[in-house]
C-alpha atoms as a PDB file:
ATOM      1  CA  MET A   1     -38.612 100.393   9.685  1.00  0.00           C
ATOM      2  CA  GLU A   2     -38.716  99.900  13.448  1.00  0.00           C
ATOM      3  CA  ARG A   3     -40.273  96.467  13.036  1.00  0.00           C
ATOM      4  CA  ARG A   4     -37.523  95.369  10.590  1.00  0.00           C
ATOM      5  CA  LEU A   5     -34.874  96.719  12.923  1.00  0.00           C
ATOM      6  CA  GLY A   6     -36.416  94.982  15.955  1.00  0.00           C
ATOM      7  CA  LYS A   7     -36.762  91.691  14.135  1.00  0.00           C
ATOM      8  CA  ASN A   8     -33.135  91.791  13.060  1.00  0.00           C
ATOM      9  CA  ILE A   9     -32.018  92.586  16.600  1.00  0.00           C
ATOM     10  CA  SER A  10     -34.181  89.744  17.960  1.00  0.00           C
ATOM     11  CA  LYS A  11     -32.748  87.314  15.397  1.00  0.00           C
ATOM     12  CA  ALA A  12     -29.174  88.310  16.264  1.00  0.00           C
ATOM     13  CA  ARG A  13     -29.886  88.013  19.980  1.00  0.00           C
ATOM     14  CA  GLU A  14     -31.362  84.518  19.583  1.00  0.00           C
ATOM     15  CA  ALA A  15     -28.421  83.466  17.409  1.00  0.00           C
ATOM     16  CA  SER A  16     -26.040  84.618  20.150  1.00  0.00           C
ATOM     17  CA  GLY A  17     -27.903  82.539  22.743  1.00  0.00           C
ATOM     18  CA  LEU A  18     -28.757  85.542  24.947  1.00  0.00           C
ATOM     19  CA  THR A  19     -32.069  86.292  26.613  1.00  0.00           C
ATOM     20  CA  GLN A  20     -33.683  89.720  26.528  1.00  0.00           C
ATOM     21  CA  ASP A  21     -32.811  90.102  30.231  1.00  0.00           C
ATOM     22  CA  GLN A  22     -29.128  89.319  29.568  1.00  0.00           C
ATOM     23  CA  VAL A  23     -28.936  91.881  26.777  1.00  0.00           C
ATOM     24  CA  ALA A  24     -30.718  94.540  28.908  1.00  0.00           C
ATOM     25  CA  THR A  25     -28.184  93.867  31.690  1.00  0.00           C
ATOM     26  CA  LYS A  26     -25.286  94.217  29.282  1.00  0.00           C
ATOM     27  CA  LEU A  27     -26.828  97.467  27.953  1.00  0.00           C
ATOM     28  CA  GLN A  28     -27.006  98.775  31.531  1.00  0.00           C
ATOM     29  CA  LEU A  29     -23.346  97.918  32.061  1.00  0.00           C
ATOM     30  CA  LEU A  30     -22.517  99.955  28.936  1.00  0.00           C
ATOM     31  CA  GLY A  31     -24.375 102.944  30.362  1.00  0.00           C
ATOM     32  CA  CYS A  32     -27.791 102.604  28.725  1.00  0.00           C
ATOM     33  CA  ASP A  33     -30.690 103.180  31.152  1.00  0.00           C
ATOM     34  CA  ILE A  34     -32.962 100.396  29.878  1.00  0.00           C
ATOM     35  CA  SER A  35     -35.042  97.651  31.401  1.00  0.00           C
ATOM     36  CA  ARG A  36     -35.843  94.244  29.981  1.00  0.00           C
ATOM     37  CA  SER A  37     -39.363  95.428  29.221  1.00  0.00           C
ATOM     38  CA  THR A  38     -38.088  98.485  27.357  1.00  0.00           C
ATOM     39  CA  TYR A  39     -35.583  96.365  25.447  1.00  0.00           C
ATOM     40  CA  GLY A  40     -38.398  93.991  24.462  1.00  0.00           C
ATOM     41  CA  LYS A  41     -40.342  96.932  23.027  1.00  0.00           C
ATOM     42  CA  ILE A  42     -37.368  97.662  20.753  1.00  0.00           C
ATOM     43  CA  GLU A  43     -37.448  94.055  19.449  1.00  0.00           C
ATOM     44  CA  VAL A  44     -41.176  94.212  18.621  1.00  0.00           C
ATOM     45  CA  GLY A  45     -40.844  97.631  17.006  1.00  0.00           C
ATOM     46  CA  ILE A  46     -42.948  99.745  19.347  1.00  0.00           C
ATOM     47  CA  ARG A  47     -40.119 101.823  20.785  1.00  0.00           C
ATOM     48  CA  HIS A  48     -37.583 103.925  18.972  1.00  0.00           C
ATOM     49  CA  ILE A  49     -33.964 103.164  19.604  1.00  0.00           C
ATOM     50  CA  SER A  50     -31.396 105.798  20.485  1.00  0.00           C
ATOM     51  CA  VAL A  51     -28.019 106.025  18.757  1.00  0.00           C
ATOM     52  CA  GLU A  52     -26.291 105.022  22.011  1.00  0.00           C
ATOM     53  CA  GLU A  53     -28.495 101.927  22.349  1.00  0.00           C
ATOM     54  CA  LEU A  54     -27.932 100.979  18.715  1.00  0.00           C
ATOM     55  CA  GLU A  55     -24.164 101.230  19.159  1.00  0.00           C
ATOM     56  CA  ALA A  56     -24.263  99.190  22.381  1.00  0.00           C
ATOM     57  CA  ILE A  57     -26.489  96.509  20.853  1.00  0.00           C
ATOM     58  CA  LYS A  58     -24.132  96.352  17.855  1.00  0.00           C
ATOM     59  CA  GLU A  59     -21.271  95.674  20.235  1.00  0.00           C
ATOM     60  CA  ILE A  60     -23.141  93.192  22.461  1.00  0.00           C
ATOM     61  CA  LEU A  61     -24.531  91.151  19.596  1.00  0.00           C
ATOM     62  CA  ASP A  62     -21.480  91.545  17.305  1.00  0.00           C
ATOM     63  CA  MET A  63     -23.608  93.035  14.501  1.00  0.00           C
ATOM     64  CA  GLN A  64     -22.689  95.250  11.594  1.00  0.00           C
ATOM     65  CA  TYR A  65     -24.749  98.352  10.902  1.00  0.00           C
ATOM     66  CA  GLU A  66     -26.144  96.836   7.719  1.00  0.00           C
ATOM     67  CA  ASP A  67     -27.401  93.843   9.753  1.00  0.00           C
ATOM     68  CA  PHE A  68     -29.907  96.153  11.499  1.00  0.00           C
ATOM     69  CA  PHE A  69     -31.551  97.114   8.236  1.00  0.00           C
ATOM     70  CA  ALA A  70     -31.394  93.887   6.242  1.00  0.00           C
ATOM     71  CA  PRO A  71     -34.728  92.833   4.730  1.00  0.00           C
ATOM     72  CA  ASN A  72     -36.685  90.353   6.831  1.00  0.00           C
ATOM     73  CA  GLU A  73     -37.576  87.050   5.324  1.00  0.00           C
ATOM     74  CA  THR A  74     -41.336  86.563   5.155  1.00  0.00           C
END
């Protein structure tokens, strides 16, 4: 599940034209204590995401909750 979630976040980030560093900075501004490296681990599915981070990423990338869990195309 984490890999699907991470891939969907990565896809939305790329579609928005933001870098991982830019998203991490925006997360920090919203009160999430996260580095670019830690954010990258979320995208590749090797770090769990907190509810606060999920809500902030949703806002930053203009995602819907169902977007996080949509099946990945293979």
